Amino acid sequence: MWMLITFWVITLVMIVVTIKYKKPVFLLVPFGLLFGMLLVQIAMVPMPFWDTVEFIFNLR
């Protein structure tokens, strides 16, 4: 739960920074964090990493 709260706080901060400095490159930070959260959540599954990734992409 703390990861989700941290993600939203950082996202809100980056939106404010983007508006203040008028540089949209700051909006890439939340996407990087989202990708990092995805990797952490996949790593928490009690299967080998690559098997977990294959399972996720084989879902229909």
Protein backbone atom coordinates (compact mmCIF):
# COMPACT_ATOMS: atom_id res chain seq x y z
CA MET A 1 0.00 0.00 0.00
CA TRP A 2 2.85 2.37 0.78
CA MET A 3 4.20 1.94 -2.76
CA LEU A 4 0.90 3.07 -4.23
CA ILE A 5 0.66 6.09 -1.96
CA THR A 6 4.28 7.03 -2.73
CA PHE A 7 3.59 6.64 -6.46
CA TRP A 8 0.59 9.01 -6.31
CA VAL A 9 2.45 11.59 -4.22
CA ILE A 10 5.40 11.61 -6.63
CA THR A 11 3.00 11.81 -9.58
CA LEU A 12 1.25 14.83 -8.10
CA VAL A 13 4.59 16.49 -7.35
CA MET A 14 5.77 15.89 -10.92
CA ILE A 15 2.56 17.39 -12.32
CA VAL A 16 3.08 20.52 -10.23
CA VAL A 17 6.77 20.70 -11.27
CA THR A 18 5.78 20.26 -14.92
CA ILE A 19 3.28 23.10 -14.71
CA LYS A 20 5.72 25.34 -12.83
CA TYR A 21 8.74 24.83 -15.11
CA LYS A 22 6.73 24.15 -18.31
CA LYS A 23 8.90 21.14 -19.20
CA PRO A 24 6.87 18.04 -20.05
CA VAL A 25 9.94 15.82 -19.64
CA PHE A 26 9.15 15.68 -15.91
CA LEU A 27 6.05 13.63 -16.73
CA LEU A 28 8.32 10.72 -17.71
CA VAL A 29 9.16 10.16 -14.03
CA PRO A 30 5.73 8.69 -13.13
CA PHE A 31 5.92 6.33 -16.11
CA GLY A 32 9.33 5.13 -14.97
CA LEU A 33 7.99 4.62 -11.47
CA LEU A 34 5.02 2.70 -12.84
CA PHE A 35 7.37 0.41 -14.77
CA GLY A 36 9.46 -0.06 -11.63
CA MET A 37 6.36 -0.91 -9.59
CA LEU A 38 5.38 -3.45 -12.24
CA LEU A 39 8.78 -5.14 -11.96
CA VAL A 40 8.56 -5.23 -8.16
CA GLN A 41 5.08 -6.73 -8.25
CA ILE A 42 6.20 -9.39 -10.73
CA ALA A 43 9.22 -10.18 -8.56
CA MET A 44 6.92 -10.73 -5.56
CA VAL A 45 5.20 -13.69 -7.29
CA PRO A 46 6.60 -16.99 -5.95
CA MET A 47 7.48 -18.32 -9.41
CA PRO A 48 10.64 -17.77 -11.45
CA PHE A 49 10.68 -14.28 -12.96
CA TRP A 50 10.61 -15.29 -16.62
CA ASP A 51 7.83 -17.87 -16.05
CA THR A 52 5.76 -15.16 -14.40
CA VAL A 53 6.29 -12.79 -17.34
CA GLU A 54 5.34 -15.53 -19.83
CA PHE A 55 2.23 -16.35 -17.79
CA ILE A 56 1.14 -12.71 -17.78
CA PHE A 57 1.51 -12.38 -21.55
CA ASN A 58 -0.24 -15.71 -22.20
CA LEU A 59 -3.41 -14.65 -20.37
CA ARG A 60 -6.38 -14.23 -22.67
